Amino acid sequence: MLRIRDAGLSRDEVLSQLSMVFSESVIDALSQSAPADHARLVEAFDALPLPSVEDIATALVAVARSTPGIAADEHVERTMTALGSVMFGDTGHGQRALPGLHQ
């Protein structure tokens, strides 16, 4: 938690990001009727903090403006690269998830 706070997030933002990762892990475990994968959960926590909504929106717009007509998948990939890290993995259901979860 301190590492995330040191990144400049408020207490509420830290708790929100931690809750998001934990909730995703619980949903994944329940949907598979299996225990949560500890290694995947640790990997997802290690990926925090995630970029802010504003940072994501800015990156999405910048990519769209630089490459008119870009395909959706390529848009997502270029946006993640622009944000400095590939933080999400493909769930196989057309959704994106935190690293290690839904794999």
C-alpha atoms as a PDB file:
ATOM      1  CA  MET A   1       0.000   0.000   0.000  1.00  0.00           C
ATOM      2  CA  LEU A   2       2.844   2.394   0.781  1.00  0.00           C
ATOM      3  CA  ARG A   3       4.370   1.896  -2.678  1.00  0.00           C
ATOM      4  CA  ILE A   4       1.075   2.952  -4.237  1.00  0.00           C
ATOM      5  CA  ARG A   5       0.697   5.892  -1.851  1.00  0.00           C
ATOM      6  CA  ASP A   6       4.244   6.952  -2.739  1.00  0.00           C
ATOM      7  CA  ALA A   7       3.059   7.162  -6.371  1.00  0.00           C
ATOM      8  CA  GLY A   8       0.840  10.061  -5.276  1.00  0.00           C
ATOM      9  CA  LEU A   9      -2.506   8.334  -4.869  1.00  0.00           C
ATOM     10  CA  SER A  10      -4.826   9.292  -2.043  1.00  0.00           C
ATOM     11  CA  ARG A  11      -5.917   6.757   0.569  1.00  0.00           C
ATOM     12  CA  ASP A  12      -9.276   6.336  -1.198  1.00  0.00           C
ATOM     13  CA  GLU A  13      -7.587   5.835  -4.582  1.00  0.00           C
ATOM     14  CA  VAL A  14      -5.272   3.206  -3.091  1.00  0.00           C
ATOM     15  CA  LEU A  15      -8.171   1.358  -1.493  1.00  0.00           C
ATOM     16  CA  SER A  16     -10.129   1.535  -4.746  1.00  0.00           C
ATOM     17  CA  GLN A  17      -7.266   0.014  -6.743  1.00  0.00           C
ATOM     18  CA  LEU A  18      -6.640  -2.703  -4.145  1.00  0.00           C
ATOM     19  CA  SER A  19     -10.360  -3.500  -4.059  1.00  0.00           C
ATOM     20  CA  MET A  20     -10.498  -3.709  -7.839  1.00  0.00           C
ATOM     21  CA  VAL A  21      -7.687  -6.281  -7.930  1.00  0.00           C
ATOM     22  CA  PHE A  22      -9.128  -8.312  -5.070  1.00  0.00           C
ATOM     23  CA  SER A  23     -12.660  -8.245  -6.518  1.00  0.00           C
ATOM     24  CA  GLU A  24     -11.384  -9.380  -9.913  1.00  0.00           C
ATOM     25  CA  SER A  25      -9.589 -12.280  -8.230  1.00  0.00           C
ATOM     26  CA  VAL A  26     -12.699 -13.320  -6.295  1.00  0.00           C
ATOM     27  CA  ILE A  27     -14.910 -13.127  -9.398  1.00  0.00           C
ATOM     28  CA  ASP A  28     -12.381 -15.209 -11.335  1.00  0.00           C
ATOM     29  CA  ALA A  29     -12.182 -17.841  -8.579  1.00  0.00           C
ATOM     30  CA  LEU A  30     -15.959 -18.045  -8.236  1.00  0.00           C
ATOM     31  CA  SER A  31     -16.531 -18.315 -11.971  1.00  0.00           C
ATOM     32  CA  GLN A  32     -14.042 -21.194 -12.142  1.00  0.00           C
ATOM     33  CA  SER A  33     -15.225 -22.798  -8.880  1.00  0.00           C
ATOM     34  CA  ALA A  34     -11.599 -22.937  -7.797  1.00  0.00           C
ATOM     35  CA  PRO A  35      -9.403 -21.217  -5.246  1.00  0.00           C
ATOM     36  CA  ALA A  36      -7.842 -17.919  -6.245  1.00  0.00           C
ATOM     37  CA  ASP A  37      -4.414 -18.260  -7.811  1.00  0.00           C
ATOM     38  CA  HIS A  38      -2.056 -16.623  -5.321  1.00  0.00           C
ATOM     39  CA  ALA A  39       0.719 -16.010  -7.871  1.00  0.00           C
ATOM     40  CA  ARG A  40      -1.689 -14.266 -10.256  1.00  0.00           C
ATOM     41  CA  LEU A  41      -3.075 -12.161  -7.439  1.00  0.00           C
ATOM     42  CA  VAL A  42       0.424 -11.078  -6.396  1.00  0.00           C
ATOM     43  CA  GLU A  43       1.253 -10.230 -10.031  1.00  0.00           C
ATOM     44  CA  ALA A  44      -1.889  -8.094 -10.278  1.00  0.00           C
ATOM     45  CA  PHE A  45      -1.055  -6.261  -7.036  1.00  0.00           C
ATOM     46  CA  ASP A  46       2.502  -5.717  -8.264  1.00  0.00           C
ATOM     47  CA  ALA A  47       1.101  -4.001 -11.392  1.00  0.00           C
ATOM     48  CA  LEU A  48      -0.464  -1.264  -9.253  1.00  0.00           C
ATOM     49  CA  PRO A  49      -0.892   1.625  -9.445  1.00  0.00           C
ATOM     50  CA  LEU A  50      -2.889   1.616 -12.623  1.00  0.00           C
ATOM     51  CA  PRO A  51      -3.026   4.836 -14.637  1.00  0.00           C
ATOM     52  CA  SER A  52      -5.784   7.285 -13.846  1.00  0.00           C
ATOM     53  CA  VAL A  53      -8.891   7.545 -15.994  1.00  0.00           C
ATOM     54  CA  GLU A  54      -7.610  10.897 -17.219  1.00  0.00           C
ATOM     55  CA  ASP A  55      -4.254   9.400 -18.257  1.00  0.00           C
ATOM     56  CA  ILE A  56      -5.980   6.559 -20.097  1.00  0.00           C
ATOM     57  CA  ALA A  57      -8.368   8.934 -21.867  1.00  0.00           C
ATOM     58  CA  THR A  58      -5.515  11.230 -22.891  1.00  0.00           C
ATOM     59  CA  ALA A  59      -3.533   8.294 -24.289  1.00  0.00           C
ATOM     60  CA  LEU A  60      -6.573   6.911 -26.154  1.00  0.00           C
ATOM     61  CA  VAL A  61      -7.255  10.273 -27.797  1.00  0.00           C
ATOM     62  CA  ALA A  62      -3.587  10.789 -28.694  1.00  0.00           C
ATOM     63  CA  VAL A  63      -3.385   7.387 -30.385  1.00  0.00           C
ATOM     64  CA  ALA A  64      -6.669   7.940 -32.249  1.00  0.00           C
ATOM     65  CA  ARG A  65      -5.508  11.345 -33.479  1.00  0.00           C
ATOM     66  CA  SER A  66      -2.141  10.044 -34.607  1.00  0.00           C
ATOM     67  CA  THR A  67      -3.625   7.073 -36.490  1.00  0.00           C
ATOM     68  CA  PRO A  68      -7.067   7.817 -37.964  1.00  0.00           C
ATOM     69  CA  GLY A  69      -9.024   4.656 -38.807  1.00  0.00           C
ATOM     70  CA  ILE A  70      -6.978   2.462 -36.461  1.00  0.00           C
ATOM     71  CA  ALA A  71      -8.470  -0.948 -35.639  1.00  0.00           C
ATOM     72  CA  ALA A  72      -9.778  -1.318 -32.085  1.00  0.00           C
ATOM     73  CA  ASP A  73      -7.281  -3.991 -31.025  1.00  0.00           C
ATOM     74  CA  GLU A  74      -4.339  -2.021 -32.354  1.00  0.00           C
ATOM     75  CA  HIS A  75      -5.710   1.117 -30.676  1.00  0.00           C
ATOM     76  CA  VAL A  76      -5.723  -0.657 -27.314  1.00  0.00           C
ATOM     77  CA  GLU A  77      -2.220  -2.059 -27.814  1.00  0.00           C
ATOM     78  CA  ARG A  78      -0.764   1.299 -28.855  1.00  0.00           C
ATOM     79  CA  THR A  79      -2.505   3.019 -25.949  1.00  0.00           C
ATOM     80  CA  MET A  80      -1.055   0.538 -23.465  1.00  0.00           C
ATOM     81  CA  THR A  81       2.385   1.085 -24.976  1.00  0.00           C
ATOM     82  CA  ALA A  82       1.899   4.854 -24.733  1.00  0.00           C
ATOM     83  CA  LEU A  83       1.060   4.446 -21.054  1.00  0.00           C
ATOM     84  CA  GLY A  84       4.460   2.863 -20.603  1.00  0.00           C
ATOM     85  CA  SER A  85       3.532  -0.685 -19.744  1.00  0.00           C
ATOM     86  CA  VAL A  86       1.387  -3.536 -20.949  1.00  0.00           C
ATOM     87  CA  MET A  87      -0.672  -3.831 -17.789  1.00  0.00           C
ATOM     88  CA  PHE A  88      -3.563  -5.831 -19.098  1.00  0.00           C
ATOM     89  CA  GLY A  89      -3.954  -9.294 -20.557  1.00  0.00           C
ATOM     90  CA  ASP A  90      -6.604 -10.673 -22.874  1.00  0.00           C
ATOM     91  CA  THR A  91      -9.298 -12.617 -21.015  1.00  0.00           C
ATOM     92  CA  GLY A  92     -10.307 -14.496 -24.136  1.00  0.00           C
ATOM     93  CA  HIS A  93     -13.806 -13.034 -23.834  1.00  0.00           C
ATOM     94  CA  GLY A  94     -13.206  -9.720 -25.551  1.00  0.00           C
ATOM     95  CA  GLN A  95     -12.417  -8.112 -22.206  1.00  0.00           C
ATOM     96  CA  ARG A  96      -9.204  -6.875 -20.660  1.00  0.00           C
ATOM     97  CA  ALA A  97      -8.062  -7.778 -17.153  1.00  0.00           C
ATOM     98  CA  LEU A  98      -5.235  -7.159 -14.747  1.00  0.00           C
ATOM     99  CA  PRO A  99      -2.095  -9.233 -15.365  1.00  0.00           C
ATOM    100  CA  GLY A 100      -2.496 -12.867 -14.434  1.00  0.00           C
ATOM    101  CA  LEU A 101      -6.224 -12.695 -13.793  1.00  0.00           C
ATOM    102  CA  HIS A 102      -8.680 -14.432 -16.129  1.00  0.00           C
ATOM    103  CA  GLN A 103      -5.906 -16.384 -17.822  1.00  0.00           C
END
